[in-house]
Protein backbone atom coordinates (compact mmCIF):
# COMPACT_ATOMS: atom_id res chain seq x y z
CA MET A 1 65.97 -48.17 43.13
CA ARG A 2 68.40 -49.60 40.59
CA THR A 3 68.88 -48.05 37.17
CA VAL A 4 70.25 -50.17 34.31
CA LEU A 5 71.36 -48.41 31.13
CA VAL A 6 71.36 -50.86 28.22
CA THR A 7 73.52 -50.09 25.20
CA GLY A 8 75.68 -51.83 22.62
CA PRO A 9 76.33 -51.94 18.87
CA GLY A 10 73.48 -51.04 16.54
CA GLY A 11 71.26 -54.01 15.69
CA ALA A 12 72.57 -56.16 18.56
CA GLY A 13 69.17 -56.49 20.24
CA ARG A 14 69.44 -53.76 22.88
CA THR A 15 65.72 -53.01 22.86
CA THR A 16 64.81 -56.69 23.13
CA VAL A 17 67.15 -57.28 26.06
CA ALA A 18 66.01 -54.10 27.82
CA ALA A 19 62.35 -55.07 27.44
CA ALA A 20 63.05 -58.63 28.59
CA THR A 21 64.91 -57.40 31.68
CA ALA A 22 62.09 -55.06 32.70
CA LEU A 23 59.46 -57.71 32.00
CA ALA A 24 61.36 -60.32 34.04
CA ALA A 25 61.51 -57.96 37.02
CA ALA A 26 57.77 -57.29 36.73
CA ARG A 27 56.99 -61.01 36.46
CA ARG A 28 58.94 -61.49 39.69
CA GLY A 29 56.74 -58.96 41.49
CA GLU A 30 58.99 -55.90 41.37
CA ARG A 31 57.81 -52.49 40.22
CA ALA A 32 59.67 -51.95 36.94
CA LEU A 33 59.94 -49.01 34.55
CA LEU A 34 61.13 -49.27 30.94
CA ILE A 35 62.28 -46.05 29.24
CA CYS A 36 62.65 -46.15 25.46
CA ASP A 37 62.50 -44.11 22.28
CA GLY A 38 58.86 -43.52 21.42
CA ARG A 39 59.63 -43.68 17.70
CA ASP A 40 61.09 -47.21 17.88
CA ASP A 41 58.64 -49.64 16.29
CA ARG A 42 60.57 -52.56 17.74
CA LEU A 43 59.16 -51.98 21.22
CA ALA A 44 55.64 -51.90 19.85
CA ALA A 45 56.24 -55.35 18.34
CA LEU A 46 57.64 -56.64 21.63
CA LEU A 47 55.00 -55.32 24.03
CA GLY A 48 52.20 -54.07 21.81
CA ASP A 49 49.40 -52.37 23.70
CA GLU A 50 49.26 -55.08 26.33
CA GLU A 51 49.42 -53.88 29.92
CA VAL A 52 51.72 -55.93 32.12
CA ALA A 53 51.17 -55.86 35.87
CA ARG A 54 53.86 -53.86 37.71
CA LEU A 55 55.52 -52.78 34.45
CA ASP A 56 55.35 -49.12 33.38
CA VAL A 57 56.63 -47.96 29.99
CA VAL A 58 57.74 -44.42 29.15
CA ARG A 59 58.10 -43.69 25.45
CA ILE A 60 60.23 -40.59 24.91
CA ASP A 61 58.91 -38.05 22.41
CA SER A 62 62.03 -35.96 21.76
CA GLY A 63 60.24 -33.77 19.22
CA ALA A 64 57.55 -32.72 21.69
CA HIS A 65 60.17 -32.13 24.38
CA PHE A 66 62.22 -29.92 22.05
CA ARG A 67 59.21 -27.80 21.08
CA THR A 68 58.08 -27.39 24.69
CA GLU A 69 61.51 -26.33 25.94
CA LEU A 70 62.21 -23.93 23.07
CA LEU A 71 58.82 -22.23 23.32
CA ALA A 72 59.26 -21.86 27.10
CA LEU A 73 62.70 -20.28 26.57
CA GLN A 74 61.21 -17.96 23.94
CA ASP A 75 58.55 -16.83 26.44
CA ARG A 76 61.13 -16.12 29.15
CA ALA A 77 63.29 -14.15 26.69
CA GLY A 78 60.33 -12.30 25.21
CA THR A 79 61.50 -8.80 26.26
CA VAL A 80 64.96 -9.25 24.77
CA LEU A 81 63.56 -10.70 21.54
CA GLU A 82 61.23 -7.74 21.17
CA LEU A 83 64.13 -5.31 21.65
CA LEU A 84 65.99 -7.11 18.88
CA GLY A 85 62.97 -7.03 16.61
CA ALA A 86 62.90 -10.83 16.40
CA GLY A 87 59.85 -12.64 15.09
CA ARG A 88 58.43 -15.30 17.40
CA LEU A 89 58.40 -18.95 16.41
CA ASP A 90 55.25 -21.07 16.47
CA GLY A 91 55.27 -24.62 17.77
CA GLU A 92 53.95 -25.96 14.45
CA GLU A 93 57.03 -24.74 12.56
CA LEU A 94 59.61 -26.21 14.95
CA THR A 95 61.58 -29.30 13.95
CA GLU A 96 63.85 -30.83 16.55
CA LEU A 97 67.59 -30.26 16.15
CA PRO A 98 70.40 -32.83 16.56
CA GLY A 99 70.95 -33.50 20.24
CA ALA A 100 67.27 -33.18 21.18
CA GLU A 101 67.06 -36.95 21.71
CA GLN A 102 69.80 -36.88 24.36
CA LEU A 103 68.19 -33.99 26.24
CA ALA A 104 64.79 -35.71 26.23
CA LEU A 105 66.42 -38.91 27.48
CA LEU A 106 68.13 -37.05 30.33
CA LYS A 107 64.83 -35.47 31.35
CA ALA A 108 63.19 -38.92 31.46
CA LEU A 109 66.03 -40.18 33.68
CA ARG A 110 65.57 -37.26 36.05
CA GLU A 111 61.82 -37.82 36.28
CA ALA A 112 62.29 -41.57 36.83
CA ALA A 113 64.54 -40.86 39.81
CA ALA A 114 61.61 -39.20 41.54
CA GLY A 115 59.45 -42.31 41.15
CA ASP A 116 58.97 -45.34 43.36
CA HIS A 117 60.10 -48.14 41.05
CA ASP A 118 62.39 -50.96 42.16
CA LEU A 119 64.13 -51.19 38.78
CA VAL A 120 64.44 -48.69 35.93
CA VAL A 121 65.68 -50.08 32.61
CA VAL A 122 66.68 -47.59 29.92
CA ASP A 123 66.97 -48.59 26.27
CA MET A 124 69.91 -46.35 25.35
CA PRO A 125 71.12 -45.45 21.85
CA PRO A 126 74.22 -47.20 20.42
CA VAL A 127 77.45 -47.07 22.40
CA GLN A 128 79.10 -43.81 21.38
CA GLN A 129 75.84 -41.84 21.46
CA ALA A 130 74.96 -43.40 24.83
CA VAL A 131 78.28 -42.49 26.44
CA ALA A 132 78.03 -38.96 25.02
CA ALA A 133 74.52 -38.56 26.43
CA LEU A 134 75.58 -39.75 29.90
CA ALA A 135 78.54 -37.35 29.90
CA LEU A 136 76.38 -34.44 28.72
CA PRO A 137 75.05 -33.21 32.12
CA GLY A 138 78.55 -32.64 33.51
CA GLN A 139 79.72 -30.99 30.29
CA LEU A 140 76.75 -28.64 30.08
CA ARG A 141 77.11 -27.65 33.74
CA ARG A 142 80.74 -26.77 33.07
CA TYR A 143 79.75 -24.63 30.09
CA LEU A 144 77.12 -22.82 32.17
CA ARG A 145 79.64 -22.06 34.92
CA ARG A 146 82.10 -20.66 32.38
CA LEU A 147 79.57 -18.60 30.42
CA LEU A 148 77.47 -17.42 33.38
CA PRO A 149 79.55 -17.64 36.57
CA PRO A 150 77.21 -17.61 39.60
CA GLU A 151 79.42 -15.08 41.38
CA ARG A 152 78.58 -12.53 38.67
CA GLN A 153 75.11 -12.29 40.19
CA ALA A 154 76.55 -10.27 43.06
CA ALA A 155 75.66 -7.08 41.19
CA ARG A 156 71.98 -8.07 40.91
CA SER A 157 70.87 -5.14 43.11
CA LEU A 158 72.42 -2.68 40.61
CA ARG A 159 70.41 -3.91 37.64
CA PRO A 160 67.30 -1.76 38.22
CA VAL A 161 69.54 1.32 38.38
CA LEU A 162 71.38 0.29 35.23
CA ALA A 163 68.09 -0.35 33.48
CA GLN A 164 66.89 3.17 34.28
CA LEU A 165 70.16 4.73 33.12
CA ALA A 166 70.16 2.79 29.89
CA GLY A 167 66.45 3.24 29.33
CA VAL A 168 65.95 -0.44 28.42
CA PRO A 169 65.19 -3.55 30.49
CA MET A 170 68.25 -5.52 31.58
CA PRO A 171 68.00 -9.18 30.53
CA ALA A 172 70.57 -10.51 33.01
CA GLN A 173 68.02 -11.44 35.69
CA TRP A 174 65.96 -13.90 33.62
CA LEU A 175 69.15 -15.20 32.03
CA TYR A 176 70.71 -16.09 35.37
CA GLU A 177 67.45 -17.53 36.65
CA THR A 178 67.21 -19.74 33.56
CA ALA A 179 70.83 -20.83 33.94
CA ALA A 180 70.24 -21.65 37.62
CA ARG A 181 67.20 -23.75 36.73
CA TRP A 182 69.12 -25.60 34.03
CA ASP A 183 72.02 -26.20 36.39
CA ALA A 184 69.72 -27.66 39.05
CA GLU A 185 68.07 -29.98 36.52
CA LEU A 186 71.43 -31.09 35.09
CA ALA A 187 72.77 -31.68 38.60
CA ALA A 188 69.80 -33.95 39.31
CA VAL A 189 70.49 -36.01 36.17
CA GLU A 190 74.21 -36.11 36.96
CA ALA A 191 73.38 -37.48 40.42
CA VAL A 192 71.36 -40.31 38.83
CA VAL A 193 74.17 -41.19 36.41
CA GLU A 194 76.82 -41.16 39.15
CA ASP A 195 74.72 -43.04 41.69
CA ARG A 196 76.17 -46.38 42.84
CA ALA A 197 72.89 -48.06 41.94
CA THR A 198 73.16 -46.93 38.29
CA THR A 199 75.00 -49.30 35.97
CA VAL A 200 75.72 -49.73 32.28
CA ARG A 201 74.99 -53.03 30.57
CA LEU A 202 76.42 -53.92 27.15
CA VAL A 203 74.57 -56.09 24.63
CA ALA A 204 76.24 -57.59 21.55
CA GLU A 205 76.25 -60.61 19.28
CA PRO A 206 79.66 -62.25 19.81
CA SER A 207 81.83 -61.59 16.76
CA PRO A 208 85.18 -59.91 15.98
CA ALA A 209 83.38 -56.73 14.86
CA ALA A 210 81.35 -56.62 18.07
CA MET A 211 84.50 -57.09 20.16
CA ALA A 212 85.98 -53.91 18.69
CA VAL A 213 82.81 -51.95 19.59
CA LEU A 214 82.72 -53.44 23.10
CA ARG A 215 86.35 -52.47 23.75
CA THR A 216 85.55 -48.93 22.71
CA ALA A 217 82.45 -48.95 24.91
CA ARG A 218 84.42 -50.11 27.92
CA LEU A 219 86.87 -47.24 27.43
CA GLY A 220 84.08 -44.70 27.32
CA VAL A 221 82.43 -46.18 30.41
CA ALA A 222 85.70 -46.07 32.36
CA LEU A 223 86.70 -42.60 31.17
CA HIS A 224 83.46 -41.04 32.40
CA GLY A 225 83.42 -42.90 35.70
CA LEU A 226 80.42 -45.10 34.90
CA THR A 227 79.91 -48.63 36.24
CA LEU A 228 79.79 -51.60 33.87
CA ASP A 229 77.82 -54.41 35.53
CA ALA A 230 77.51 -57.04 32.78
CA VAL A 231 77.90 -57.97 29.14
CA ILE A 232 75.06 -59.89 27.49
CA ALA A 233 76.07 -62.04 24.55
CA ASN A 234 72.88 -62.09 22.53
CA ARG A 235 71.43 -64.54 19.99
CA ILE A 236 73.63 -67.47 20.97
CA LEU A 237 73.16 -70.49 18.71
CA PRO A 238 73.00 -74.01 20.20
CA THR A 239 76.18 -76.06 19.93
CA GLY A 240 76.52 -79.52 18.44
CA SER A 241 74.29 -78.94 15.41
CA ALA A 242 74.41 -81.60 12.67
CA ASP A 243 74.03 -78.87 10.06
CA PRO A 244 77.56 -77.86 8.91
CA PHE A 245 76.51 -74.26 8.32
CA LEU A 246 74.97 -73.83 11.79
CA ALA A 247 77.84 -75.71 13.37
CA ALA A 248 80.35 -73.31 11.78
CA LEU A 249 78.37 -70.26 12.93
CA SER A 250 78.14 -71.67 16.43
CA GLY A 251 81.87 -72.37 16.44
CA HIS A 252 82.65 -68.76 15.52
CA GLN A 253 80.35 -67.58 18.30
CA GLN A 254 82.04 -69.82 20.86
CA CYS A 255 85.47 -68.49 19.88
CA ALA A 256 84.19 -64.94 20.24
CA LEU A 257 82.65 -65.83 23.63
CA LYS A 258 85.99 -67.12 24.86
CA GLU A 259 87.71 -63.92 23.71
CA LEU A 260 84.95 -61.88 25.36
CA ALA A 261 85.40 -63.65 28.69
CA GLU A 262 89.16 -63.05 28.58
CA GLU A 263 88.86 -59.42 27.47
CA PHE A 264 86.27 -58.58 30.12
CA ALA A 265 87.73 -60.58 32.98
CA GLY A 266 85.97 -59.55 36.18
CA VAL A 267 82.81 -58.47 34.38
CA PRO A 268 79.97 -61.06 34.30
CA VAL A 269 79.16 -62.31 30.79
CA HIS A 270 75.63 -63.68 30.32
CA GLU A 271 74.27 -65.56 27.33
CA ALA A 272 70.85 -65.01 25.74
CA PRO A 273 69.66 -67.73 23.34
CA HIS A 274 68.78 -67.28 19.69
CA LEU A 275 65.06 -68.12 19.36
CA GLY A 276 65.31 -68.59 15.61
CA ARG A 277 63.26 -65.43 15.13
CA ASP A 278 62.90 -61.92 16.51
CA PRO A 279 60.66 -62.11 19.59
CA ARG A 280 57.18 -60.64 19.19
CA GLY A 281 54.82 -60.22 22.10
CA THR A 282 55.30 -60.88 25.79
CA ASP A 283 54.92 -64.66 25.40
CA GLU A 284 58.02 -64.83 23.20
CA LEU A 285 59.83 -62.39 25.50
CA ASP A 286 59.07 -64.80 28.35
CA GLU A 287 60.65 -67.57 26.27
CA LEU A 288 63.79 -65.46 25.90
CA ILE A 289 63.81 -64.75 29.63
CA GLU A 290 63.63 -68.47 30.43
CA GLY A 291 66.76 -69.09 28.35
CA LEU A 292 68.74 -66.14 29.74
CA ASP A 293 71.37 -67.32 32.20
CA GLY A 294 72.00 -65.46 35.45
CA LEU A 295 68.59 -63.77 35.39
CA ASP A 296 68.45 -63.01 39.13
CA GLU A 297 71.85 -61.35 38.96
CA LEU A 298 70.78 -59.26 35.98
CA ILE A 299 67.76 -57.97 37.92
CA ASP A 300 69.29 -57.61 41.38
CA GLY A 301 72.81 -56.68 40.31
CA PRO A 302 75.95 -58.80 40.77
CA THR A 303 76.04 -60.82 43.96
CA GLY A 304 79.01 -61.27 46.27
CA GLU A 305 80.99 -59.26 48.76
CA THR A 306 80.53 -55.52 48.69
CA GLY A 307 83.15 -52.87 49.00
CA PRO A 308 83.86 -49.18 48.42
CA GLY A 309 82.90 -48.12 44.93
CA GLU A 310 81.04 -51.32 44.10
CA ALA A 311 77.76 -51.26 42.22
CA GLY A 312 74.82 -53.24 43.53
CA GLY A 313 76.93 -55.34 45.88
CA GLY A 314 78.95 -57.47 43.49
CA SER A 315 82.29 -58.01 41.85
CA VAL A 316 81.78 -55.15 39.38
CA ARG A 317 83.66 -52.18 40.70
CA ARG A 318 83.79 -48.53 39.70
CA GLU A 319 87.48 -47.86 39.93
CA PRO A 320 88.21 -44.45 41.49
CA TRP A 321 90.82 -42.01 40.20
CA THR A 322 93.32 -41.81 43.03
CA VAL A 323 96.43 -39.74 43.78
CA GLU A 324 99.48 -41.61 45.06
CA ASP A 325 101.93 -39.66 47.22
CA ARG A 326 105.48 -40.52 46.15
CA LEU A 327 107.05 -37.24 47.21
CA ALA A 328 109.35 -38.81 49.78
CA ASP A 329 110.78 -41.41 47.39
CA ASP A 330 110.59 -39.87 43.91
CA GLY A 331 109.50 -36.26 44.47
CA VAL A 332 106.27 -36.72 42.51
CA LEU A 333 102.54 -37.23 42.94
CA VAL A 334 100.98 -39.85 40.64
CA TRP A 335 97.39 -39.65 39.44
CA HIS A 336 96.01 -43.13 38.67
CA LEU A 337 93.30 -43.24 35.97
CA PRO A 338 91.94 -46.78 35.27
CA LEU A 339 91.30 -47.13 31.53
CA PRO A 340 90.95 -50.88 30.83
CA GLY A 341 91.81 -51.82 27.28
CA ALA A 342 93.32 -48.46 26.34
CA ALA A 343 96.27 -48.30 23.95
CA ARG A 344 99.01 -45.65 23.92
CA ASP A 345 98.17 -44.45 20.42
CA GLN A 346 94.59 -43.76 21.56
CA LEU A 347 95.58 -41.34 24.31
CA GLY A 348 95.90 -37.57 24.30
CA LEU A 349 96.72 -35.35 27.30
CA VAL A 350 96.65 -31.56 27.53
CA ARG A 351 97.03 -29.54 30.73
CA ARG A 352 94.93 -26.38 30.71
CA GLY A 353 95.03 -24.41 33.94
CA ASP A 354 93.37 -26.47 36.65
CA GLU A 355 91.95 -28.93 34.15
CA LEU A 356 93.18 -31.93 32.19
CA LEU A 357 91.87 -32.50 28.67
CA LEU A 358 91.93 -36.27 28.25
CA THR A 359 91.23 -37.96 24.92
CA VAL A 360 90.81 -41.74 24.76
CA GLY A 361 89.88 -43.09 21.33
CA PRO A 362 86.67 -41.34 20.21
CA PHE A 363 85.92 -40.04 23.72
CA ARG A 364 87.03 -36.85 25.41
CA LYS A 365 86.75 -35.66 28.99
CA ILE A 366 87.74 -32.43 30.70
CA ALA A 367 88.64 -33.38 34.27
CA THR A 368 89.26 -30.92 37.10
CA LEU A 369 92.57 -31.63 38.82
CA PRO A 370 92.54 -32.56 42.51
CA SER A 371 93.62 -29.59 44.66
CA ALA A 372 97.12 -30.94 45.37
CA LEU A 373 97.85 -31.44 41.66
CA ARG A 374 96.88 -27.88 40.75
CA ARG A 375 100.10 -26.71 42.39
CA CYS A 376 102.20 -29.07 40.28
CA THR A 377 103.46 -29.38 36.74
CA VAL A 378 102.98 -32.48 34.61
CA SER A 379 106.30 -34.32 34.37
CA GLY A 380 105.30 -37.46 32.49
CA ALA A 381 102.74 -40.20 31.97
CA GLY A 382 102.67 -43.93 31.32
CA LEU A 383 100.07 -46.57 30.50
CA THR A 384 100.55 -50.02 32.04
CA GLY A 385 98.06 -52.72 32.96
CA GLY A 386 95.10 -50.66 31.81
CA VAL A 387 95.94 -47.79 34.17
CA LEU A 388 97.13 -44.37 33.01
CA ARG A 389 99.59 -42.94 35.54
CA ILE A 390 100.27 -39.22 35.23
CA ARG A 391 103.23 -37.85 37.20
CA PHE A 392 103.09 -34.37 38.73
CA THR A 393 106.08 -32.50 40.14
CA PRO A 394 105.39 -29.79 42.75
CA ASP A 395 105.87 -26.24 41.49
CA PRO A 396 108.32 -24.53 43.91
CA ASP A 397 106.52 -21.22 43.50
CA LEU A 398 103.17 -22.71 44.52
CA TRP A 399 104.06 -25.61 46.81
CA PRO A 400 104.18 -24.92 50.57
CA ARG A 401 107.74 -24.70 51.86
CA THR A 402 108.78 -26.66 54.92
CA ARG A 403 111.58 -25.59 57.24
């Protein structure tokens, strides 16, 4: 099963492209699943209530998910809430909080992974929200491990005794059980996001403003170890128009397309035609599909020779973070972090114990250092050719001594 996460600037046609991709796969005889925001009226205009053979649609209701999860947590924590004299909340009075959309989306991804579809297409939110949502499982698992370390459960057998001595029930048991359940669910979502068959696809109308958003998106994708499989330039006008106004617009688009191809060298760029209107219904989606170049590649993944770290067997490659041993020559280890398009003034580095706090533009990641680097001190860093190289010098007090 392949999973394609479609994102891009707001208003660029993400939902249309996601629906067209899923529909094209279904028309070709594959079992396709489209996951989207249930409150988005755009999808209703695209697909309506029509049932398409081999195409399933999941509309996420983040409000219902939030109420269900919060009420379930309230039930599990009932004893503690009663001890505190807390009043219980009713489902009718609950309004979802910020972040509920991302959690509902992650649950839908986890459930889709257990299905039997050939292709799962996810209509993601705009770029920054999408990257944040995809990074959320790893971040939440880290928080859980810090707040409720699993090794603290070693004293579980003492809790009944402590409860009798204190005269009140001890809440630690349900708390750790809840944390363990959350961790398992987050781990399942994280496995989907990190799977080689999961890729990110960017959609944008070619323009200078869109280029800035796409550069930022590429940074976020690289920072969090995601795989970018294609960029879709949407709503492309025909060239050679006799109308001066349309000819000028088309000329601007062609210039932006050239810049896009240069900026994203190595990443396939596909063009989707402008139909002169927003598609409505599956017939007009089929018309868009017919004009979309490289359709087979967009459904199957990039074609070509495969190799370690490649997604779907093509030229798009998830670059690993590697450690180069230069101890013999320079006395340092160098950690290579590919960050295509990054600029020096966008970077921030902070060493904190066995972790590195890395800031790139609007994105931030807390990365655990490889074991060898934990026994070193940071001695410098440099950004060249889209790769951040961080130098580590062995700490004499921690590094093994050789005779």
